[in-house]
């Protein structure tokens, strides 16, 4: 599901993080599989707080992620289009400025 949601994002590379599958853009972390039901996705702190408050069924955090720009997502609950949006936002947050400038991508 992560691969499908990330289709079309430039320079996405499959890798591993903490021994689980992950996606990166130019060696910068976008997301990783935490467990069979959860993915960790990079997310601006302000946006994370808003999403967790708005839909705790999909988005949450544990004490480990408090204060970090990453949130937990229930991967089997989130619609594909919402996961795609989360990955697009993570890509824009993590992609180097040189890559952002050279592409036609619009989120």
PDB file of N, CA and C in Angstrom:
ATOM      1  N   UNK A   1       0.817  -1.193   0.000  1.00  0.00           N
ATOM      2  CA  UNK A   1       0.000   0.000   0.000  1.00  0.00           C
ATOM      3  C   UNK A   1       0.869   1.268   0.000  1.00  0.00           C
ATOM      4  N   UNK A   2       1.994   1.244   0.727  1.00  0.00           N
ATOM      5  CA  UNK A   2       2.880   2.413   0.750  1.00  0.00           C
ATOM      6  C   UNK A   2       3.438   2.713  -0.635  1.00  0.00           C
ATOM      7  N   UNK A   3       3.868   1.672  -1.334  1.00  0.00           N
ATOM      8  CA  UNK A   3       4.396   1.876  -2.694  1.00  0.00           C
ATOM      9  C   UNK A   3       3.339   2.502  -3.593  1.00  0.00           C
ATOM     10  N   UNK A   4       2.138   1.990  -3.533  1.00  0.00           N
ATOM     11  CA  UNK A   4       1.058   2.513  -4.357  1.00  0.00           C
ATOM     12  C   UNK A   4       0.784   3.975  -4.013  1.00  0.00           C
ATOM     13  N   UNK A   5       0.725   4.288  -2.735  1.00  0.00           N
ATOM     14  CA  UNK A   5       0.448   5.657  -2.302  1.00  0.00           C
ATOM     15  C   UNK A   5       1.561   6.618  -2.707  1.00  0.00           C
ATOM     16  N   UNK A   6       2.784   6.118  -2.826  1.00  0.00           N
ATOM     17  CA  UNK A   6       3.931   6.973  -3.162  1.00  0.00           C
ATOM     18  C   UNK A   6       4.186   7.074  -4.664  1.00  0.00           C
ATOM     19  N   UNK A   7       3.411   6.368  -5.492  1.00  0.00           N
ATOM     20  CA  UNK A   7       3.616   6.408  -6.944  1.00  0.00           C
ATOM     21  C   UNK A   7       3.591   7.845  -7.447  1.00  0.00           C
ATOM     22  N   UNK A   8       4.547   8.157  -8.298  1.00  0.00           N
ATOM     23  CA  UNK A   8       4.601   9.476  -8.904  1.00  0.00           C
ATOM     24  C   UNK A   8       5.460  10.475  -8.138  1.00  0.00           C
ATOM     25  N   UNK A   9       5.817  10.169  -6.907  1.00  0.00           N
ATOM     26  CA  UNK A   9       6.706  11.060  -6.170  1.00  0.00           C
ATOM     27  C   UNK A   9       8.138  10.838  -6.647  1.00  0.00           C
ATOM     28  N   UNK A  10       8.829  11.897  -7.060  1.00  0.00           N
ATOM     29  CA  UNK A  10      10.171  11.747  -7.622  1.00  0.00           C
ATOM     30  C   UNK A  10      11.202  11.219  -6.619  1.00  0.00           C
ATOM     31  N   UNK A  11      12.065  10.378  -7.145  1.00  0.00           N
ATOM     32  CA  UNK A  11      13.256   9.881  -6.451  1.00  0.00           C
ATOM     33  C   UNK A  11      12.955   9.158  -5.147  1.00  0.00           C
ATOM     34  N   UNK A  12      11.830   8.461  -5.109  1.00  0.00           N
ATOM     35  CA  UNK A  12      11.503   7.631  -3.949  1.00  0.00           C
ATOM     36  C   UNK A  12      12.313   6.342  -4.049  1.00  0.00           C
ATOM     37  N   UNK A  13      12.930   5.979  -2.939  1.00  0.00           N
ATOM     38  CA  UNK A  13      13.746   4.774  -2.877  1.00  0.00           C
ATOM     39  C   UNK A  13      13.241   3.917  -1.727  1.00  0.00           C
ATOM     40  N   UNK A  14      13.115   2.633  -1.982  1.00  0.00           N
ATOM     41  CA  UNK A  14      12.772   1.704  -0.907  1.00  0.00           C
ATOM     42  C   UNK A  14      14.035   1.385  -0.139  1.00  0.00           C
ATOM     43  N   UNK A  15      13.922   1.351   1.174  1.00  0.00           N
ATOM     44  CA  UNK A  15      15.064   1.098   2.040  1.00  0.00           C
ATOM     45  C   UNK A  15      14.561   0.376   3.282  1.00  0.00           C
ATOM     46  N   UNK A  16      15.344   0.406   4.346  1.00  0.00           N
ATOM     47  CA  UNK A  16      14.900  -0.093   5.635  1.00  0.00           C
ATOM     48  C   UNK A  16      15.221   0.938   6.703  1.00  0.00           C
ATOM     49  N   UNK A  17      14.438   0.913   7.755  1.00  0.00           N
ATOM     50  CA  UNK A  17      14.654   1.779   8.906  1.00  0.00           C
ATOM     51  C   UNK A  17      14.273   0.977  10.135  1.00  0.00           C
ATOM     52  N   UNK A  18      15.171   0.859  11.074  1.00  0.00           N
ATOM     53  CA  UNK A  18      14.948   0.043  12.266  1.00  0.00           C
ATOM     54  C   UNK A  18      14.519  -1.371  11.890  1.00  0.00           C
ATOM     55  N   UNK A  19      15.093  -1.875  10.801  1.00  0.00           N
ATOM     56  CA  UNK A  19      14.838  -3.245  10.375  1.00  0.00           C
ATOM     57  C   UNK A  19      13.519  -3.475   9.671  1.00  0.00           C
ATOM     58  N   UNK A  20      12.794  -2.405   9.354  1.00  0.00           N
ATOM     59  CA  UNK A  20      11.518  -2.567   8.661  1.00  0.00           C
ATOM     60  C   UNK A  20      11.555  -1.786   7.346  1.00  0.00           C
ATOM     61  N   UNK A  21      10.696  -2.138   6.388  1.00  0.00           N
ATOM     62  CA  UNK A  21      10.672  -1.422   5.107  1.00  0.00           C
ATOM     63  C   UNK A  21      10.370   0.062   5.299  1.00  0.00           C
ATOM     64  N   UNK A  22      11.046   0.884   4.493  1.00  0.00           N
ATOM     65  CA  UNK A  22      10.824   2.327   4.557  1.00  0.00           C
ATOM     66  C   UNK A  22      10.913   2.922   3.160  1.00  0.00           C
ATOM     67  N   UNK A  23      10.477   4.169   3.052  1.00  0.00           N
ATOM     68  CA  UNK A  23      10.618   4.943   1.822  1.00  0.00           C
ATOM     69  C   UNK A  23      11.426   6.186   2.149  1.00  0.00           C
ATOM     70  N   UNK A  24      12.313   6.551   1.221  1.00  0.00           N
ATOM     71  CA  UNK A  24      13.162   7.716   1.392  1.00  0.00           C
ATOM     72  C   UNK A  24      13.198   8.529   0.111  1.00  0.00           C
ATOM     73  N   UNK A  25      13.547   9.808   0.248  1.00  0.00           N
ATOM     74  CA  UNK A  25      13.853  10.655  -0.894  1.00  0.00           C
ATOM     75  C   UNK A  25      15.251  11.207  -0.652  1.00  0.00           C
ATOM     76  N   UNK A  26      16.187  10.883  -1.537  1.00  0.00           N
ATOM     77  CA  UNK A  26      17.591  11.288  -1.396  1.00  0.00           C
ATOM     78  C   UNK A  26      18.112  11.072   0.022  1.00  0.00           C
ATOM     79  N   UNK A  27      17.925   9.838   0.490  1.00  0.00           N
ATOM     80  CA  UNK A  27      18.408   9.372   1.792  1.00  0.00           C
ATOM     81  C   UNK A  27      17.737  10.031   2.993  1.00  0.00           C
ATOM     82  N   UNK A  28      16.640  10.738   2.749  1.00  0.00           N
ATOM     83  CA  UNK A  28      15.893  11.333   3.856  1.00  0.00           C
ATOM     84  C   UNK A  28      14.602  10.542   4.050  1.00  0.00           C
ATOM     85  N   UNK A  29      14.331  10.231   5.281  1.00  0.00           N
ATOM     86  CA  UNK A  29      13.217   9.386   5.684  1.00  0.00           C
ATOM     87  C   UNK A  29      11.858  10.025   5.393  1.00  0.00           C
ATOM     88  N   UNK A  30      10.956   9.270   4.769  1.00  0.00           N
ATOM     89  CA  UNK A  30       9.560   9.689   4.573  1.00  0.00           C
ATOM     90  C   UNK A  30       8.633   8.908   5.493  1.00  0.00           C
ATOM     91  N   UNK A  31       8.789   7.580   5.455  1.00  0.00           N
ATOM     92  CA  UNK A  31       7.903   6.725   6.238  1.00  0.00           C
ATOM     93  C   UNK A  31       8.545   5.359   6.396  1.00  0.00           C
ATOM     94  N   UNK A  32       8.012   4.628   7.376  1.00  0.00           N
ATOM     95  CA  UNK A  32       8.444   3.240   7.553  1.00  0.00           C
ATOM     96  C   UNK A  32       7.317   2.431   8.155  1.00  0.00           C
ATOM     97  N   UNK A  33       7.385   1.146   7.936  1.00  0.00           N
ATOM     98  CA  UNK A  33       6.454   0.217   8.555  1.00  0.00           C
ATOM     99  C   UNK A  33       6.907   0.047  10.004  1.00  0.00           C
ATOM    100  N   UNK A  34       6.011   0.312  10.937  1.00  0.00           N
ATOM    101  CA  UNK A  34       6.330   0.112  12.360  1.00  0.00           C
ATOM    102  C   UNK A  34       5.973  -1.314  12.765  1.00  0.00           C
ATOM    103  N   UNK A  35       4.775  -1.733  12.358  1.00  0.00           N
ATOM    104  CA  UNK A  35       4.314  -3.101  12.589  1.00  0.00           C
ATOM    105  C   UNK A  35       3.246  -3.406  11.537  1.00  0.00           C
ATOM    106  N   UNK A  36       2.621  -4.541  11.629  1.00  0.00           N
ATOM    107  CA  UNK A  36       1.670  -4.966  10.593  1.00  0.00           C
ATOM    108  C   UNK A  36       0.496  -4.008  10.420  1.00  0.00           C
ATOM    109  N   UNK A  37       0.196  -3.202  11.437  1.00  0.00           N
ATOM    110  CA  UNK A  37      -0.966  -2.318  11.374  1.00  0.00           C
ATOM    111  C   UNK A  37      -0.626  -0.833  11.334  1.00  0.00           C
ATOM    112  N   UNK A  38       0.658  -0.493  11.485  1.00  0.00           N
ATOM    113  CA  UNK A  38       1.035   0.900  11.703  1.00  0.00           C
ATOM    114  C   UNK A  38       2.217   1.314  10.847  1.00  0.00           C
ATOM    115  N   UNK A  39       2.124   2.526  10.287  1.00  0.00           N
ATOM    116  CA  UNK A  39       3.277   3.131   9.621  1.00  0.00           C
ATOM    117  C   UNK A  39       3.602   4.449  10.325  1.00  0.00           C
ATOM    118  N   UNK A  40       4.879   4.800  10.286  1.00  0.00           N
ATOM    119  CA  UNK A  40       5.364   6.071  10.820  1.00  0.00           C
ATOM    120  C   UNK A  40       5.585   6.979   9.623  1.00  0.00           C
ATOM    121  N   UNK A  41       4.971   8.160   9.631  1.00  0.00           N
ATOM    122  CA  UNK A  41       5.076   9.093   8.509  1.00  0.00           C
ATOM    123  C   UNK A  41       5.564  10.437   9.031  1.00  0.00           C
ATOM    124  N   UNK A  42       6.535  11.007   8.352  1.00  0.00           N
ATOM    125  CA  UNK A  42       7.005  12.341   8.712  1.00  0.00           C
ATOM    126  C   UNK A  42       5.851  13.324   8.570  1.00  0.00           C
ATOM    127  N   UNK A  43       5.778  14.272   9.506  1.00  0.00           N
ATOM    128  CA  UNK A  43       4.673  15.219   9.517  1.00  0.00           C
ATOM    129  C   UNK A  43       5.067  16.409  10.384  1.00  0.00           C
ATOM    130  N   UNK A  44       4.821  17.613   9.903  1.00  0.00           N
ATOM    131  CA  UNK A  44       5.094  18.808  10.699  1.00  0.00           C
ATOM    132  C   UNK A  44       4.322  18.720  12.013  1.00  0.00           C
ATOM    133  N   UNK A  45       4.943  19.181  13.088  1.00  0.00           N
ATOM    134  CA  UNK A  45       4.331  19.069  14.415  1.00  0.00           C
ATOM    135  C   UNK A  45       2.935  19.678  14.487  1.00  0.00           C
ATOM    136  N   UNK A  46       2.765  20.875  13.920  1.00  0.00           N
ATOM    137  CA  UNK A  46       1.465  21.535  13.973  1.00  0.00           C
ATOM    138  C   UNK A  46       0.408  20.723  13.234  1.00  0.00           C
ATOM    139  N   UNK A  47       0.799  20.188  12.097  1.00  0.00           N
ATOM    140  CA  UNK A  47      -0.129  19.385  11.301  1.00  0.00           C
ATOM    141  C   UNK A  47      -0.461  18.085  12.028  1.00  0.00           C
ATOM    142  N   UNK A  48       0.545  17.482  12.648  1.00  0.00           N
ATOM    143  CA  UNK A  48       0.324  16.240  13.396  1.00  0.00           C
ATOM    144  C   UNK A  48      -0.698  16.459  14.498  1.00  0.00           C
ATOM    145  N   UNK A  49      -0.540  17.506  15.265  1.00  0.00           N
ATOM    146  CA  UNK A  49      -1.478  17.784  16.355  1.00  0.00           C
ATOM    147  C   UNK A  49      -2.902  17.932  15.830  1.00  0.00           C
ATOM    148  N   UNK A  50      -3.039  18.640  14.720  1.00  0.00           N
ATOM    149  CA  UNK A  50      -4.351  18.846  14.128  1.00  0.00           C
ATOM    150  C   UNK A  50      -4.958  17.522  13.653  1.00  0.00           C
ATOM    151  N   UNK A  51      -4.162  16.702  12.961  1.00  0.00           N
ATOM    152  CA  UNK A  51      -4.666  15.433  12.424  1.00  0.00           C
ATOM    153  C   UNK A  51      -5.044  14.461  13.535  1.00  0.00           C
ATOM    154  N   UNK A  52      -4.203  14.368  14.558  1.00  0.00           N
ATOM    155  CA  UNK A  52      -4.492  13.459  15.679  1.00  0.00           C
ATOM    156  C   UNK A  52      -5.780  13.887  16.375  1.00  0.00           C
ATOM    157  N   UNK A  53      -5.971  15.179  16.555  1.00  0.00           N
ATOM    158  CA  UNK A  53      -7.189  15.673  17.193  1.00  0.00           C
ATOM    159  C   UNK A  53      -8.413  15.458  16.299  1.00  0.00           C
ATOM    160  N   UNK A  54      -8.250  15.645  15.002  1.00  0.00           N
ATOM    161  CA  UNK A  54      -9.374  15.550  14.070  1.00  0.00           C
ATOM    162  C   UNK A  54      -9.820  14.111  13.819  1.00  0.00           C
ATOM    163  N   UNK A  55      -8.861  13.173  13.761  1.00  0.00           N
ATOM    164  CA  UNK A  55      -9.231  11.795  13.442  1.00  0.00           C
ATOM    165  C   UNK A  55      -8.317  10.791  14.146  1.00  0.00           C
ATOM    166  N   UNK A  56      -8.496  10.609  15.455  1.00  0.00           N
ATOM    167  CA  UNK A  56      -7.645   9.680  16.204  1.00  0.00           C
ATOM    168  C   UNK A  56      -7.838   8.215  15.795  1.00  0.00           C
ATOM    169  N   UNK A  57      -8.875   7.942  15.023  1.00  0.00           N
ATOM    170  CA  UNK A  57      -9.058   6.580  14.500  1.00  0.00           C
ATOM    171  C   UNK A  57      -7.950   6.247  13.501  1.00  0.00           C
ATOM    172  N   UNK A  58      -7.480   7.257  12.752  1.00  0.00           N
ATOM    173  CA  UNK A  58      -6.435   7.059  11.750  1.00  0.00           C
ATOM    174  C   UNK A  58      -5.049   7.442  12.243  1.00  0.00           C
ATOM    175  N   UNK A  59      -4.960   8.556  12.959  1.00  0.00           N
ATOM    176  CA  UNK A  59      -3.672   9.151  13.325  1.00  0.00           C
ATOM    177  C   UNK A  59      -3.502   9.157  14.836  1.00  0.00           C
ATOM    178  N   UNK A  60      -2.296   8.801  15.292  1.00  0.00           N
ATOM    179  CA  UNK A  60      -2.036   8.813  16.728  1.00  0.00           C
ATOM    180  C   UNK A  60      -0.537   8.923  16.961  1.00  0.00           C
ATOM    181  N   UNK A  61      -0.172   9.044  18.227  1.00  0.00           N
ATOM    182  CA  UNK A  61       1.234   9.034  18.592  1.00  0.00           C
ATOM    183  C   UNK A  61       1.390   8.338  19.933  1.00  0.00           C
ATOM    184  N   UNK A  62       2.567   7.851  20.168  1.00  0.00           N
ATOM    185  CA  UNK A  62       2.909   7.277  21.465  1.00  0.00           C
ATOM    186  C   UNK A  62       3.900   8.231  22.123  1.00  0.00           C
ATOM    187  N   UNK A  63       4.230   7.960  23.364  1.00  0.00           N
ATOM    188  CA  UNK A  63       5.161   8.826  24.091  1.00  0.00           C
ATOM    189  C   UNK A  63       6.487   8.965  23.321  1.00  0.00           C
ATOM    190  N   UNK A  64       6.907   7.918  22.655  1.00  0.00           N
ATOM    191  CA  UNK A  64       8.164   7.948  21.901  1.00  0.00           C
ATOM    192  C   UNK A  64       8.171   9.034  20.823  1.00  0.00           C
ATOM    193  N   UNK A  65       7.033   9.313  20.223  1.00  0.00           N
ATOM    194  CA  UNK A  65       6.954  10.268  19.114  1.00  0.00           C
ATOM    195  C   UNK A  65       6.526  11.673  19.539  1.00  0.00           C
ATOM    196  N   UNK A  66       6.249  11.890  20.821  1.00  0.00           N
ATOM    197  CA  UNK A  66       5.883  13.232  21.298  1.00  0.00           C
ATOM    198  C   UNK A  66       7.031  14.194  21.013  1.00  0.00           C
ATOM    199  N   UNK A  67       6.686  15.332  20.395  1.00  0.00           N
ATOM    200  CA  UNK A  67       7.691  16.340  20.100  1.00  0.00           C
ATOM    201  C   UNK A  67       8.512  16.084  18.851  1.00  0.00           C
ATOM    202  N   UNK A  68       8.253  14.987  18.154  1.00  0.00           N
ATOM    203  CA  UNK A  68       8.973  14.663  16.918  1.00  0.00           C
ATOM    204  C   UNK A  68       8.045  14.860  15.723  1.00  0.00           C
ATOM    205  N   UNK A  69       8.600  15.292  14.598  1.00  0.00           N
ATOM    206  CA  UNK A  69       7.773  15.521  13.403  1.00  0.00           C
ATOM    207  C   UNK A  69       7.458  14.226  12.658  1.00  0.00           C
ATOM    208  N   UNK A  70       6.841  13.309  13.370  1.00  0.00           N
ATOM    209  CA  UNK A  70       6.414  12.036  12.779  1.00  0.00           C
ATOM    210  C   UNK A  70       5.170  11.581  13.530  1.00  0.00           C
ATOM    211  N   UNK A  71       4.243  10.984  12.793  1.00  0.00           N
ATOM    212  CA  UNK A  71       3.036  10.468  13.434  1.00  0.00           C
ATOM    213  C   UNK A  71       2.803   9.030  13.018  1.00  0.00           C
ATOM    214  N   UNK A  72       1.994   8.364  13.794  1.00  0.00           N
ATOM    215  CA  UNK A  72       1.633   6.985  13.516  1.00  0.00           C
ATOM    216  C   UNK A  72       0.299   6.962  12.791  1.00  0.00           C
ATOM    217  N   UNK A  73       0.216   6.077  11.805  1.00  0.00           N
ATOM    218  CA  UNK A  73      -0.977   5.976  10.969  1.00  0.00           C
ATOM    219  C   UNK A  73      -1.433   4.519  10.958  1.00  0.00           C
ATOM    220  N   UNK A  74      -2.708   4.318  11.181  1.00  0.00           N
ATOM    221  CA  UNK A  74      -3.275   2.964  11.097  1.00  0.00           C
ATOM    222  C   UNK A  74      -3.474   2.638   9.613  1.00  0.00           C
ATOM    223  N   UNK A  75      -2.551   1.881   9.081  1.00  0.00           N
ATOM    224  CA  UNK A  75      -2.456   1.686   7.633  1.00  0.00           C
ATOM    225  C   UNK A  75      -3.652   0.951   7.042  1.00  0.00           C
ATOM    226  N   UNK A  76      -4.315   0.110   7.807  1.00  0.00           N
ATOM    227  CA  UNK A  76      -5.466  -0.627   7.273  1.00  0.00           C
ATOM    228  C   UNK A  76      -6.759   0.164   7.381  1.00  0.00           C
ATOM    229  N   UNK A  77      -6.731   1.284   8.077  1.00  0.00           N
ATOM    230  CA  UNK A  77      -7.910   2.127   8.253  1.00  0.00           C
ATOM    231  C   UNK A  77      -7.916   3.327   7.308  1.00  0.00           C
ATOM    232  N   UNK A  78      -6.749   3.820   6.950  1.00  0.00           N
ATOM    233  CA  UNK A  78      -6.659   5.059   6.185  1.00  0.00           C
ATOM    234  C   UNK A  78      -6.977   4.803   4.706  1.00  0.00           C
ATOM    235  N   UNK A  79      -7.841   5.606   4.114  1.00  0.00           N
ATOM    236  CA  UNK A  79      -8.097   5.480   2.675  1.00  0.00           C
ATOM    237  C   UNK A  79      -6.819   5.804   1.884  1.00  0.00           C
ATOM    238  N   UNK A  80      -6.670   5.146   0.744  1.00  0.00           N
ATOM    239  CA  UNK A  80      -5.464   5.321  -0.067  1.00  0.00           C
ATOM    240  C   UNK A  80      -5.215   6.784  -0.424  1.00  0.00           C
ATOM    241  N   UNK A  81      -6.258   7.536  -0.769  1.00  0.00           N
ATOM    242  CA  UNK A  81      -6.045   8.933  -1.140  1.00  0.00           C
ATOM    243  C   UNK A  81      -5.517   9.760   0.034  1.00  0.00           C
ATOM    244  N   UNK A  82      -5.951   9.457   1.244  1.00  0.00           N
ATOM    245  CA  UNK A  82      -5.425  10.175   2.412  1.00  0.00           C
ATOM    246  C   UNK A  82      -3.982   9.783   2.698  1.00  0.00           C
ATOM    247  N   UNK A  83      -3.660   8.512   2.530  1.00  0.00           N
ATOM    248  CA  UNK A  83      -2.273   8.078   2.709  1.00  0.00           C
ATOM    249  C   UNK A  83      -1.385   8.742   1.664  1.00  0.00           C
ATOM    250  N   UNK A  84      -1.869   8.821   0.433  1.00  0.00           N
ATOM    251  CA  UNK A  84      -1.119   9.498  -0.625  1.00  0.00           C
ATOM    252  C   UNK A  84      -0.850  10.959  -0.241  1.00  0.00           C
ATOM    253  N   UNK A  85      -1.861  11.635   0.289  1.00  0.00           N
ATOM    254  CA  UNK A  85      -1.675  13.022   0.722  1.00  0.00           C
ATOM    255  C   UNK A  85      -0.635  13.119   1.828  1.00  0.00           C
ATOM    256  N   UNK A  86      -0.682  12.210   2.788  1.00  0.00           N
ATOM    257  CA  UNK A  86       0.304  12.227   3.879  1.00  0.00           C
ATOM    258  C   UNK A  86       1.709  12.028   3.329  1.00  0.00           C
ATOM    259  N   UNK A  87       1.873  11.117   2.351  1.00  0.00           N
ATOM    260  CA  UNK A  87       3.204  10.877   1.775  1.00  0.00           C
ATOM    261  C   UNK A  87       3.653  12.052   0.920  1.00  0.00           C
ATOM    262  N   UNK A  88       2.742  12.684   0.215  1.00  0.00           N
ATOM    263  CA  UNK A  88       3.092  13.887  -0.561  1.00  0.00           C
ATOM    264  C   UNK A  88       3.591  14.988   0.372  1.00  0.00           C
ATOM    265  N   UNK A  89       2.888  15.170   1.490  1.00  0.00           N
ATOM    266  CA  UNK A  89       3.294  16.199   2.462  1.00  0.00           C
ATOM    267  C   UNK A  89       4.654  15.854   3.067  1.00  0.00           C
ATOM    268  N   UNK A  90       4.872  14.580   3.366  1.00  0.00           N
ATOM    269  CA  UNK A  90       6.167  14.150   3.897  1.00  0.00           C
ATOM    270  C   UNK A  90       7.265  14.376   2.860  1.00  0.00           C
ATOM    271  N   UNK A  91       6.961  14.086   1.596  1.00  0.00           N
ATOM    272  CA  UNK A  91       7.935  14.292   0.520  1.00  0.00           C
ATOM    273  C   UNK A  91       8.320  15.771   0.431  1.00  0.00           C
ATOM    274  N   UNK A  92       7.334  16.648   0.472  1.00  0.00           N
ATOM    275  CA  UNK A  92       7.621  18.086   0.386  1.00  0.00           C
ATOM    276  C   UNK A  92       8.439  18.558   1.591  1.00  0.00           C
ATOM    277  N   UNK A  93       8.227  17.934   2.723  1.00  0.00           N
ATOM    278  CA  UNK A  93       8.954  18.290   3.938  1.00  0.00           C
ATOM    279  C   UNK A  93      10.407  17.808   3.882  1.00  0.00           C
ATOM    280  N   UNK A  94      10.642  16.655   3.271  1.00  0.00           N
ATOM    281  CA  UNK A  94      11.954  16.019   3.312  1.00  0.00           C
ATOM    282  C   UNK A  94      12.803  16.204   2.054  1.00  0.00           C
ATOM    283  N   UNK A  95      12.185  16.424   0.920  1.00  0.00           N
ATOM    284  CA  UNK A  95      12.952  16.550  -0.330  1.00  0.00           C
ATOM    285  C   UNK A  95      13.844  17.788  -0.264  1.00  0.00           C
ATOM    286  N   UNK A  96      15.055  17.679  -0.778  1.00  0.00           N
ATOM    287  CA  UNK A  96      15.943  18.845  -0.804  1.00  0.00           C
ATOM    288  C   UNK A  96      15.344  19.961  -1.662  1.00  0.00           C
ATOM    289  N   UNK A  97      15.674  21.187  -1.319  1.00  0.00           N
ATOM    290  CA  UNK A  97      15.146  22.335  -2.062  1.00  0.00           C
ATOM    291  C   UNK A  97      15.491  22.246  -3.542  1.00  0.00           C
ATOM    292  N   UNK A  98      16.662  21.721  -3.863  1.00  0.00           N
ATOM    293  CA  UNK A  98      17.046  21.608  -5.273  1.00  0.00           C
ATOM    294  C   UNK A  98      16.093  20.694  -6.031  1.00  0.00           C
ATOM    295  N   UNK A  99      15.603  19.637  -5.392  1.00  0.00           N
ATOM    296  CA  UNK A  99      14.651  18.733  -6.030  1.00  0.00           C
ATOM    297  C   UNK A  99      13.273  19.393  -6.121  1.00  0.00           C
ATOM    298  N   UNK A 100      12.874  20.093  -5.082  1.00  0.00           N
ATOM    299  CA  UNK A 100      11.598  20.800  -5.119  1.00  0.00           C
ATOM    300  C   UNK A 100      11.563  21.813  -6.253  1.00  0.00           C
ATOM    301  N   UNK A 101      12.667  22.490  -6.496  1.00  0.00           N
ATOM    302  CA  UNK A 101      12.727  23.532  -7.526  1.00  0.00           C
ATOM    303  C   UNK A 101      12.698  22.960  -8.944  1.00  0.00           C
ATOM    304  N   UNK A 102      13.204  21.759  -9.126  1.00  0.00           N
ATOM    305  CA  UNK A 102      13.359  21.223 -10.470  1.00  0.00           C
ATOM    306  C   UNK A 102      12.199  20.365 -10.947  1.00  0.00           C
ATOM    307  N   UNK A 103      11.176  20.266 -10.182  1.00  0.00           N
ATOM    308  CA  UNK A 103      10.070  19.409 -10.605  1.00  0.00           C
ATOM    309  C   UNK A 103       8.780  20.196 -10.781  1.00  0.00           C
ATOM    310  N   UNK A 104       7.876  19.566 -11.452  1.00  0.00           N
ATOM    311  CA  UNK A 104       6.579  20.164 -11.758  1.00  0.00           C
ATOM    312  C   UNK A 104       5.527  19.718 -10.764  1.00  0.00           C
ATOM    313  N   UNK A 105       5.908  19.046  -9.719  1.00  0.00           N
ATOM    314  CA  UNK A 105       4.979  18.432  -8.770  1.00  0.00           C
ATOM    315  C   UNK A 105       4.164  19.481  -8.028  1.00  0.00           C
ATOM    316  N   UNK A 106       2.879  19.227  -7.901  1.00  0.00           N
ATOM    317  CA  UNK A 106       1.996  20.080  -7.102  1.00  0.00           C
ATOM    318  C   UNK A 106       1.162  19.168  -6.203  1.00  0.00           C
ATOM    319  N   UNK A 107       1.220  19.416  -4.916  1.00  0.00           N
ATOM    320  CA  UNK A 107       0.468  18.575  -3.963  1.00  0.00           C
ATOM    321  C   UNK A 107      -0.950  19.090  -3.833  1.00  0.00           C
TER     322      UNK A 107
END
